[in-house]
């Protein structure tokens, strides 16, 4: 269980400001912020629109780097299982 600390809100705000996620996807932004802040190796999600979207990977990497955050690998459950093969 990851603690939702105040820094997460700041990261979410930055994600929205830099258009990584739309304003209505605050939950998605929070998931990414938590995984990045706590240096999770993977963020496993079925959300291919806002998170596990190859078109967003570079943008997410740039913003996380700007914020000094870790970049978790963003994968679907299927992709994670393929890595184990």
Protein backbone atom coordinates (compact mmCIF):
# COMPACT_ATOMS: atom_id res chain seq x y z
CA UNK A 1 0.00 0.00 0.00
CA UNK A 2 1.52 3.33 -1.08
CA UNK A 3 0.89 6.42 1.00
CA UNK A 4 -0.74 9.31 -0.87
CA UNK A 5 1.50 12.21 0.20
CA UNK A 6 1.15 15.90 -0.73
CA UNK A 7 3.87 15.63 -3.39
CA UNK A 8 1.59 13.36 -5.41
CA UNK A 9 -0.92 16.21 -5.87
CA UNK A 10 1.87 18.42 -7.20
CA UNK A 11 2.94 15.75 -9.67
CA UNK A 12 -0.67 15.20 -10.82
CA UNK A 13 -1.06 18.95 -11.36
CA UNK A 14 2.11 18.99 -13.46
CA UNK A 15 0.92 16.03 -15.54
CA UNK A 16 -2.34 17.83 -16.26
CA UNK A 17 -0.57 21.14 -16.96
CA UNK A 18 1.78 19.46 -19.46
CA UNK A 19 -1.11 17.55 -21.06
CA UNK A 20 0.10 14.06 -20.23
CA UNK A 21 -3.45 13.42 -19.07
CA UNK A 22 -6.67 15.36 -19.59
CA UNK A 23 -8.21 17.05 -16.56
CA UNK A 24 -10.93 14.40 -16.31
CA UNK A 25 -8.29 11.64 -15.97
CA UNK A 26 -7.09 12.68 -12.50
CA UNK A 27 -7.21 9.07 -11.28
CA UNK A 28 -4.96 7.95 -14.13
CA UNK A 29 -2.56 10.80 -13.39
CA UNK A 30 -2.52 9.82 -9.71
CA UNK A 31 -1.68 6.19 -10.57
CA UNK A 32 1.24 7.31 -12.72
CA UNK A 33 2.37 9.83 -10.10
CA UNK A 34 2.35 7.19 -7.35
CA UNK A 35 4.29 4.68 -9.45
CA UNK A 36 6.83 7.34 -10.46
CA UNK A 37 7.22 8.86 -6.98
CA UNK A 38 7.69 5.47 -5.30
CA UNK A 39 9.98 4.16 -8.05
CA UNK A 40 7.84 1.17 -8.97
CA UNK A 41 9.50 -0.97 -11.62
CA UNK A 42 6.18 -1.47 -13.43
CA UNK A 43 2.79 0.20 -13.64
CA UNK A 44 0.48 -2.55 -14.87
CA UNK A 45 -2.74 -1.25 -16.37
CA UNK A 46 -5.44 -1.96 -18.91
CA UNK A 47 -5.60 1.79 -19.59
CA UNK A 48 -4.09 2.06 -23.06
CA UNK A 49 -5.59 5.50 -23.64
CA UNK A 50 -3.79 7.51 -20.96
CA UNK A 51 -1.08 5.30 -19.48
CA UNK A 52 0.10 2.22 -21.43
CA UNK A 53 0.09 4.17 -24.69
CA UNK A 54 3.26 4.05 -26.77
CA UNK A 55 2.46 7.51 -28.16
CA UNK A 56 2.73 8.97 -24.64
CA UNK A 57 5.90 7.20 -23.41
CA UNK A 58 8.36 9.88 -24.58
CA UNK A 59 6.21 12.71 -23.21
CA UNK A 60 5.85 10.97 -19.83
CA UNK A 61 9.61 10.30 -19.73
CA UNK A 62 10.40 13.98 -20.46
CA UNK A 63 8.07 15.30 -17.77
CA UNK A 64 9.19 12.75 -15.17
CA UNK A 65 12.82 13.58 -15.95
CA UNK A 66 12.05 17.29 -15.60
CA UNK A 67 10.54 16.53 -12.17
CA UNK A 68 13.42 14.26 -11.16
CA UNK A 69 11.11 11.24 -11.03
CA UNK A 70 11.66 7.60 -11.86
CA UNK A 71 10.09 6.26 -15.06
CA UNK A 72 8.26 3.01 -14.39
CA UNK A 73 7.72 0.63 -17.26
CA UNK A 74 4.10 1.12 -18.38
CA UNK A 75 2.62 -2.19 -19.46
CA UNK A 76 -0.61 -4.12 -19.84
CA UNK A 77 -0.96 -7.41 -17.94
CA UNK A 78 -0.36 -9.26 -21.24
CA UNK A 79 2.90 -7.39 -21.83
CA UNK A 80 4.08 -8.14 -18.31
CA UNK A 81 3.36 -11.84 -18.78
CA UNK A 82 5.25 -11.83 -22.10
CA UNK A 83 8.34 -10.44 -20.34
CA UNK A 84 8.37 -13.47 -18.07
CA UNK A 85 8.62 -15.87 -21.03
